[in-house]
Amino acid sequence: VLDAYEPAANRIANTVAVSFVDERERVIR
């Protein structure tokens, strides 16, 4: 179960963080 959940959860966390930072930088620009 953890083998199924953890990689997907980590990918979600990384994607959201990167997208938020990109959008914030766009707003700042």
PDB file of all heavy atoms in Angstrom:
ATOM      1  N   VAL A   1       0.836  -1.203   0.000  1.00  0.00           N
ATOM      2  CA  VAL A   1       0.000   0.000   0.000  1.00  0.00           C
ATOM      3  C   VAL A   1       0.871   1.255   0.000  1.00  0.00           C
ATOM      4  O   VAL A   1       0.645   2.195  -0.765  1.00  0.00           O
ATOM      5  CB  VAL A   1      -0.946   0.004   1.217  1.00  0.00           C
ATOM      6  CG1 VAL A   1      -1.587   1.379   1.406  1.00  0.00           C
ATOM      7  CG2 VAL A   1      -2.028  -1.053   1.057  1.00  0.00           C
ATOM      8  N   LEU A   2       1.871   1.260   0.867  1.00  0.00           N
ATOM      9  CA  LEU A   2       2.765   2.420   0.938  1.00  0.00           C
ATOM     10  C   LEU A   2       3.599   2.564  -0.336  1.00  0.00           C
ATOM     11  O   LEU A   2       3.913   3.680  -0.758  1.00  0.00           O
ATOM     12  CB  LEU A   2       3.672   2.307   2.164  1.00  0.00           C
ATOM     13  CG  LEU A   2       2.940   2.365   3.511  1.00  0.00           C
ATOM     14  CD1 LEU A   2       3.926   2.222   4.657  1.00  0.00           C
ATOM     15  CD2 LEU A   2       2.133   3.650   3.643  1.00  0.00           C
ATOM     16  N   ASP A   3       3.952   1.411  -0.945  1.00  0.00           N
ATOM     17  CA  ASP A   3       4.663   1.455  -2.223  1.00  0.00           C
ATOM     18  C   ASP A   3       3.810   2.126  -3.302  1.00  0.00           C
ATOM     19  O   ASP A   3       4.341   2.786  -4.205  1.00  0.00           O
ATOM     20  CB  ASP A   3       5.038   0.049  -2.688  1.00  0.00           C
ATOM     21  CG  ASP A   3       6.227  -0.526  -1.929  1.00  0.00           C
ATOM     22  OD1 ASP A   3       6.955   0.281  -1.302  1.00  0.00           O
ATOM     23  OD2 ASP A   3       6.423  -1.750  -1.950  1.00  0.00           O
ATOM     24  N   ALA A   4       2.502   1.944  -3.201  1.00  0.00           N
ATOM     25  CA  ALA A   4       1.599   2.559  -4.172  1.00  0.00           C
ATOM     26  C   ALA A   4       1.373   4.031  -3.853  1.00  0.00           C
ATOM     27  O   ALA A   4       1.314   4.873  -4.754  1.00  0.00           O
ATOM     28  CB  ALA A   4       0.265   1.819  -4.188  1.00  0.00           C
ATOM     29  N   TYR A   5       1.272   4.345  -2.563  1.00  0.00           N
ATOM     30  CA  TYR A   5       0.874   5.697  -2.164  1.00  0.00           C
ATOM     31  C   TYR A   5       2.028   6.694  -2.144  1.00  0.00           C
ATOM     32  O   TYR A   5       1.901   7.811  -2.674  1.00  0.00           O
ATOM     33  CB  TYR A   5       0.232   5.647  -0.775  1.00  0.00           C
ATOM     34  CG  TYR A   5      -0.085   7.013  -0.219  1.00  0.00           C
ATOM     35  CD1 TYR A   5      -1.139   7.761  -0.713  1.00  0.00           C
ATOM     36  CD2 TYR A   5       0.698   7.576   0.798  1.00  0.00           C
ATOM     37  CE1 TYR A   5      -1.432   9.022  -0.226  1.00  0.00           C
ATOM     38  CE2 TYR A   5       0.415   8.836   1.300  1.00  0.00           C
ATOM     39  CZ  TYR A   5      -0.645   9.553   0.781  1.00  0.00           C
ATOM     40  OH  TYR A   5      -0.919  10.797   1.264  1.00  0.00           O
ATOM     41  N   GLU A   6       3.145   6.324  -1.563  1.00  0.00           N
ATOM     42  CA  GLU A   6       4.200   7.304  -1.303  1.00  0.00           C
ATOM     43  C   GLU A   6       4.785   7.941  -2.574  1.00  0.00           C
ATOM     44  O   GLU A   6       4.940   9.168  -2.622  1.00  0.00           O
ATOM     45  CB  GLU A   6       5.302   6.671  -0.463  1.00  0.00           C
ATOM     46  CG  GLU A   6       4.877   6.435   0.987  1.00  0.00           C
ATOM     47  CD  GLU A   6       5.988   5.845   1.832  1.00  0.00           C
ATOM     48  OE1 GLU A   6       6.994   5.373   1.250  1.00  0.00           O
ATOM     49  OE2 GLU A   6       5.846   5.850   3.066  1.00  0.00           O
ATOM     50  N   PRO A   7       5.133   7.183  -3.626  1.00  0.00           N
ATOM     51  CA  PRO A   7       5.674   7.842  -4.826  1.00  0.00           C
ATOM     52  C   PRO A   7       4.681   8.819  -5.448  1.00  0.00           C
ATOM     53  O   PRO A   7       5.067   9.916  -5.873  1.00  0.00           O
ATOM     54  CB  PRO A   7       5.967   6.666  -5.775  1.00  0.00           C
ATOM     55  CG  PRO A   7       6.102   5.475  -4.884  1.00  0.00           C
ATOM     56  CD  PRO A   7       5.144   5.703  -3.761  1.00  0.00           C
ATOM     57  N   ALA A   8       3.397   8.421  -5.490  1.00  0.00           N
ATOM     58  CA  ALA A   8       2.382   9.301  -6.066  1.00  0.00           C
ATOM     59  C   ALA A   8       2.212  10.553  -5.212  1.00  0.00           C
ATOM     60  O   ALA A   8       2.099  11.674  -5.726  1.00  0.00           O
ATOM     61  CB  ALA A   8       1.056   8.555  -6.190  1.00  0.00           C
ATOM     62  N   ALA A   9       2.203  10.385  -3.882  1.00  0.00           N
ATOM     63  CA  ALA A   9       2.030  11.529  -2.978  1.00  0.00           C
ATOM     64  C   ALA A   9       3.212  12.486  -3.080  1.00  0.00           C
ATOM     65  O   ALA A   9       3.042  13.710  -3.065  1.00  0.00           O
ATOM     66  CB  ALA A   9       1.865  11.028  -1.546  1.00  0.00           C
ATOM     67  N   ASN A  10       4.412  11.941  -3.178  1.00  0.00           N
ATOM     68  CA  ASN A  10       5.601  12.796  -3.311  1.00  0.00           C
ATOM     69  C   ASN A  10       5.584  13.566  -4.627  1.00  0.00           C
ATOM     70  O   ASN A  10       5.975  14.744  -4.682  1.00  0.00           O
ATOM     71  CB  ASN A  10       6.868  11.954  -3.219  1.00  0.00           C
ATOM     72  CG  ASN A  10       7.101  11.421  -1.812  1.00  0.00           C
ATOM     73  OD1 ASN A  10       6.603  11.986  -0.841  1.00  0.00           O
ATOM     74  ND2 ASN A  10       7.840  10.328  -1.699  1.00  0.00           N
ATOM     75  N   ARG A  11       5.141  12.895  -5.696  1.00  0.00           N
ATOM     76  CA  ARG A  11       5.068  13.567  -6.998  1.00  0.00           C
ATOM     77  C   ARG A  11       4.068  14.722  -6.950  1.00  0.00           C
ATOM     78  O   ARG A  11       4.304  15.794  -7.509  1.00  0.00           O
ATOM     79  CB  ARG A  11       4.672  12.562  -8.079  1.00  0.00           C
ATOM     80  CG  ARG A  11       4.696  13.164  -9.487  1.00  0.00           C
ATOM     81  CD  ARG A  11       4.546  12.089 -10.560  1.00  0.00           C
ATOM     82  NE  ARG A  11       3.257  11.415 -10.470  1.00  0.00           N
ATOM     83  CZ  ARG A  11       3.089  10.157 -10.066  1.00  0.00           C
ATOM     84  NH1 ARG A  11       4.136   9.436  -9.700  1.00  0.00           N
ATOM     85  NH2 ARG A  11       1.894   9.614 -10.023  1.00  0.00           N
ATOM     86  N   ILE A  12       2.943  14.491  -6.273  1.00  0.00           N
ATOM     87  CA  ILE A  12       1.938  15.549  -6.139  1.00  0.00           C
ATOM     88  C   ILE A  12       2.518  16.736  -5.378  1.00  0.00           C
ATOM     89  O   ILE A  12       2.366  17.895  -5.784  1.00  0.00           O
ATOM     90  CB  ILE A  12       0.683  15.014  -5.418  1.00  0.00           C
ATOM     91  CG1 ILE A  12      -0.048  14.013  -6.311  1.00  0.00           C
ATOM     92  CG2 ILE A  12      -0.247  16.165  -5.034  1.00  0.00           C
ATOM     93  CD1 ILE A  12      -1.203  13.307  -5.624  1.00  0.00           C
ATOM     94  N   ALA A  13       3.194  16.476  -4.259  1.00  0.00           N
ATOM     95  CA  ALA A  13       3.763  17.546  -3.447  1.00  0.00           C
ATOM     96  C   ALA A  13       4.780  18.359  -4.248  1.00  0.00           C
ATOM     97  O   ALA A  13       4.781  19.598  -4.216  1.00  0.00           O
ATOM     98  CB  ALA A  13       4.418  16.970  -2.191  1.00  0.00           C
ATOM     99  N   ASN A  14       5.646  17.665  -4.993  1.00  0.00           N
ATOM    100  CA  ASN A  14       6.657  18.370  -5.791  1.00  0.00           C
ATOM    101  C   ASN A  14       6.021  19.205  -6.895  1.00  0.00           C
ATOM    102  O   ASN A  14       6.431  20.346  -7.135  1.00  0.00           O
ATOM    103  CB  ASN A  14       7.632  17.354  -6.408  1.00  0.00           C
ATOM    104  CG  ASN A  14       8.534  16.717  -5.379  1.00  0.00           C
ATOM    105  OD1 ASN A  14       8.786  17.290  -4.329  1.00  0.00           O
ATOM    106  ND2 ASN A  14       9.023  15.521  -5.672  1.00  0.00           N
ATOM    107  N   THR A  15       5.017  18.639  -7.561  1.00  0.00           N
ATOM    108  CA  THR A  15       4.370  19.343  -8.665  1.00  0.00           C
ATOM    109  C   THR A  15       3.663  20.592  -8.182  1.00  0.00           C
ATOM    110  O   THR A  15       3.761  21.664  -8.796  1.00  0.00           O
ATOM    111  CB  THR A  15       3.367  18.419  -9.380  1.00  0.00           C
ATOM    112  OG1 THR A  15       4.053  17.266  -9.877  1.00  0.00           O
ATOM    113  CG2 THR A  15       2.700  19.138 -10.542  1.00  0.00           C
ATOM    114  N   VAL A  16       2.947  20.485  -7.071  1.00  0.00           N
ATOM    115  CA  VAL A  16       2.231  21.642  -6.530  1.00  0.00           C
ATOM    116  C   VAL A  16       3.224  22.729  -6.110  1.00  0.00           C
ATOM    117  O   VAL A  16       3.020  23.914  -6.386  1.00  0.00           O
ATOM    118  CB  VAL A  16       1.346  21.236  -5.334  1.00  0.00           C
ATOM    119  CG1 VAL A  16       0.790  22.462  -4.617  1.00  0.00           C
ATOM    120  CG2 VAL A  16       0.203  20.348  -5.809  1.00  0.00           C
ATOM    121  N   ALA A  17       4.304  22.327  -5.456  1.00  0.00           N
ATOM    122  CA  ALA A  17       5.296  23.304  -4.992  1.00  0.00           C
ATOM    123  C   ALA A  17       5.930  24.047  -6.163  1.00  0.00           C
ATOM    124  O   ALA A  17       6.045  25.272  -6.151  1.00  0.00           O
ATOM    125  CB  ALA A  17       6.370  22.602  -4.169  1.00  0.00           C
ATOM    126  N   VAL A  18       6.330  23.308  -7.193  1.00  0.00           N
ATOM    127  CA  VAL A  18       6.971  23.924  -8.363  1.00  0.00           C
ATOM    128  C   VAL A  18       5.995  24.850  -9.080  1.00  0.00           C
ATOM    129  O   VAL A  18       6.350  25.964  -9.479  1.00  0.00           O
ATOM    130  CB  VAL A  18       7.494  22.837  -9.325  1.00  0.00           C
ATOM    131  CG1 VAL A  18       7.922  23.458 -10.652  1.00  0.00           C
ATOM    132  CG2 VAL A  18       8.664  22.093  -8.693  1.00  0.00           C
ATOM    133  N   SER A  19       4.754  24.397  -9.244  1.00  0.00           N
ATOM    134  CA  SER A  19       3.751  25.218  -9.932  1.00  0.00           C
ATOM    135  C   SER A  19       3.483  26.501  -9.170  1.00  0.00           C
ATOM    136  O   SER A  19       3.330  27.576  -9.761  1.00  0.00           O
ATOM    137  CB  SER A  19       2.453  24.425 -10.120  1.00  0.00           C
ATOM    138  OG  SER A  19       2.655  23.306 -10.950  1.00  0.00           O
ATOM    139  N   PHE A  20       3.426  26.406  -7.840  1.00  0.00           N
ATOM    140  CA  PHE A  20       3.161  27.594  -7.032  1.00  0.00           C
ATOM    141  C   PHE A  20       4.316  28.580  -7.138  1.00  0.00           C
ATOM    142  O   PHE A  20       4.099  29.785  -7.298  1.00  0.00           O
ATOM    143  CB  PHE A  20       2.938  27.205  -5.572  1.00  0.00           C
ATOM    144  CG  PHE A  20       2.488  28.354  -4.705  1.00  0.00           C
ATOM    145  CD1 PHE A  20       1.145  28.644  -4.564  1.00  0.00           C
ATOM    146  CD2 PHE A  20       3.398  29.144  -4.038  1.00  0.00           C
ATOM    147  CE1 PHE A  20       0.713  29.704  -3.786  1.00  0.00           C
ATOM    148  CE2 PHE A  20       2.994  30.210  -3.248  1.00  0.00           C
ATOM    149  CZ  PHE A  20       1.641  30.482  -3.128  1.00  0.00           C
ATOM    150  N   VAL A  21       5.540  28.077  -7.057  1.00  0.00           N
ATOM    151  CA  VAL A  21       6.711  28.956  -7.153  1.00  0.00           C
ATOM    152  C   VAL A  21       6.749  29.631  -8.523  1.00  0.00           C
ATOM    153  O   VAL A  21       7.021  30.835  -8.642  1.00  0.00           O
ATOM    154  CB  VAL A  21       8.001  28.154  -6.904  1.00  0.00           C
ATOM    155  CG1 VAL A  21       9.220  29.007  -7.255  1.00  0.00           C
ATOM    156  CG2 VAL A  21       8.080  27.712  -5.453  1.00  0.00           C
ATOM    157  N   ASP A  22       6.472  28.860  -9.596  1.00  0.00           N
ATOM    158  CA  ASP A  22       6.464  29.436 -10.944  1.00  0.00           C
ATOM    159  C   ASP A  22       5.425  30.542 -11.061  1.00  0.00           C
ATOM    160  O   ASP A  22       5.692  31.606 -11.639  1.00  0.00           O
ATOM    161  CB  ASP A  22       6.177  28.347 -11.982  1.00  0.00           C
ATOM    162  CG  ASP A  22       7.350  27.407 -12.177  1.00  0.00           C
ATOM    163  OD1 ASP A  22       8.461  27.745 -11.724  1.00  0.00           O
ATOM    164  OD2 ASP A  22       7.160  26.330 -12.767  1.00  0.00           O
ATOM    165  N   GLU A  23       4.228  30.300 -10.523  1.00  0.00           N
ATOM    166  CA  GLU A  23       3.172  31.307 -10.603  1.00  0.00           C
ATOM    167  C   GLU A  23       3.527  32.537  -9.776  1.00  0.00           C
ATOM    168  O   GLU A  23       3.278  33.673 -10.200  1.00  0.00           O
ATOM    169  CB  GLU A  23       1.847  30.703 -10.104  1.00  0.00           C
ATOM    170  CG  GLU A  23       0.681  31.670 -10.042  1.00  0.00           C
ATOM    171  CD  GLU A  23       0.298  32.245 -11.395  1.00  0.00           C
ATOM    172  OE1 GLU A  23       0.656  31.641 -12.434  1.00  0.00           O
ATOM    173  OE2 GLU A  23      -0.363  33.302 -11.424  1.00  0.00           O
ATOM    174  N   ARG A  24       4.112  32.311  -8.615  1.00  0.00           N
ATOM    175  CA  ARG A  24       4.491  33.447  -7.768  1.00  0.00           C
ATOM    176  C   ARG A  24       5.557  34.305  -8.459  1.00  0.00           C
ATOM    177  O   ARG A  24       5.503  35.536  -8.407  1.00  0.00           O
ATOM    178  CB  ARG A  24       4.998  32.946  -6.424  1.00  0.00           C
ATOM    179  CG  ARG A  24       5.167  34.056  -5.391  1.00  0.00           C
ATOM    180  CD  ARG A  24       5.422  33.493  -4.021  1.00  0.00           C
ATOM    181  NE  ARG A  24       5.450  34.543  -3.026  1.00  0.00           N
ATOM    182  CZ  ARG A  24       4.375  35.074  -2.455  1.00  0.00           C
ATOM    183  NH1 ARG A  24       3.173  34.635  -2.786  1.00  0.00           N
ATOM    184  NH2 ARG A  24       4.482  36.031  -1.558  1.00  0.00           N
ATOM    185  N   GLU A  25       6.516  33.660  -9.106  1.00  0.00           N
ATOM    186  CA  GLU A  25       7.551  34.404  -9.825  1.00  0.00           C
ATOM    187  C   GLU A  25       6.939  35.174 -10.987  1.00  0.00           C
ATOM    188  O   GLU A  25       7.354  36.299 -11.281  1.00  0.00           O
ATOM    189  CB  GLU A  25       8.633  33.449 -10.323  1.00  0.00           C
ATOM    190  CG  GLU A  25       9.506  32.884  -9.201  1.00  0.00           C
ATOM    191  CD  GLU A  25      10.561  31.930  -9.708  1.00  0.00           C
ATOM    192  OE1 GLU A  25      10.467  31.531 -10.897  1.00  0.00           O
ATOM    193  OE2 GLU A  25      11.471  31.584  -8.943  1.00  0.00           O
ATOM    194  N   ARG A  26       5.940  34.571 -11.653  1.00  0.00           N
ATOM    195  CA  ARG A  26       5.272  35.266 -12.753  1.00  0.00           C
ATOM    196  C   ARG A  26       4.564  36.522 -12.242  1.00  0.00           C
ATOM    197  O   ARG A  26       4.633  37.591 -12.862  1.00  0.00           O
ATOM    198  CB  ARG A  26       4.259  34.335 -13.429  1.00  0.00           C
ATOM    199  CG  ARG A  26       3.602  34.948 -14.661  1.00  0.00           C
ATOM    200  CD  ARG A  26       2.489  34.061 -15.189  1.00  0.00           C
ATOM    201  NE  ARG A  26       1.368  34.037 -14.276  1.00  0.00           N
ATOM    202  CZ  ARG A  26       0.430  34.993 -14.203  1.00  0.00           C
ATOM    203  NH1 ARG A  26       0.503  36.050 -15.000  1.00  0.00           N
ATOM    204  NH2 ARG A  26      -0.566  34.901 -13.354  1.00  0.00           N
ATOM    205  N   VAL A  27       3.896  36.401 -11.099  1.00  0.00           N
ATOM    206  CA  VAL A  27       3.200  37.546 -10.502  1.00  0.00           C
ATOM    207  C   VAL A  27       4.200  38.639 -10.129  1.00  0.00           C
ATOM    208  O   VAL A  27       3.965  39.829 -10.370  1.00  0.00           O
ATOM    209  CB  VAL A  27       2.394  37.110  -9.269  1.00  0.00           C
ATOM    210  CG1 VAL A  27       1.870  38.320  -8.497  1.00  0.00           C
ATOM    211  CG2 VAL A  27       1.231  36.216  -9.683  1.00  0.00           C
ATOM    212  N   ILE A  28       5.330  38.228  -9.554  1.00  0.00           N
ATOM    213  CA  ILE A  28       6.359  39.202  -9.167  1.00  0.00           C
ATOM    214  C   ILE A  28       6.897  39.928 -10.392  1.00  0.00           C
ATOM    215  O   ILE A  28       7.092  41.150 -10.375  1.00  0.00           O
ATOM    216  CB  ILE A  28       7.498  38.501  -8.398  1.00  0.00           C
ATOM    217  CG1 ILE A  28       6.989  38.037  -7.024  1.00  0.00           C
ATOM    218  CG2 ILE A  28       8.696  39.438  -8.235  1.00  0.00           C
ATOM    219  CD1 ILE A  28       7.985  37.194  -6.264  1.00  0.00           C
ATOM    220  N   ARG A  29       7.133  39.186 -11.474  1.00  0.00           N
ATOM    221  CA  ARG A  29       7.623  39.819 -12.707  1.00  0.00           C
ATOM    222  C   ARG A  29       6.604  40.814 -13.254  1.00  0.00           C
ATOM    223  O   ARG A  29       6.970  41.900 -13.712  1.00  0.00           O
ATOM    224  CB  ARG A  29       7.941  38.751 -13.764  1.00  0.00           C
ATOM    225  CG  ARG A  29       9.221  37.965 -13.491  1.00  0.00           C
ATOM    226  CD  ARG A  29       9.653  37.203 -14.721  1.00  0.00           C
ATOM    227  NE  ARG A  29       8.656  36.229 -15.142  1.00  0.00           N
ATOM    228  CZ  ARG A  29       8.607  34.974 -14.703  1.00  0.00           C
ATOM    229  NH1 ARG A  29       9.498  34.532 -13.841  1.00  0.00           N
ATOM    230  NH2 ARG A  29       7.682  34.142 -15.144  1.00  0.00           N
TER     231      ARG A  29
END
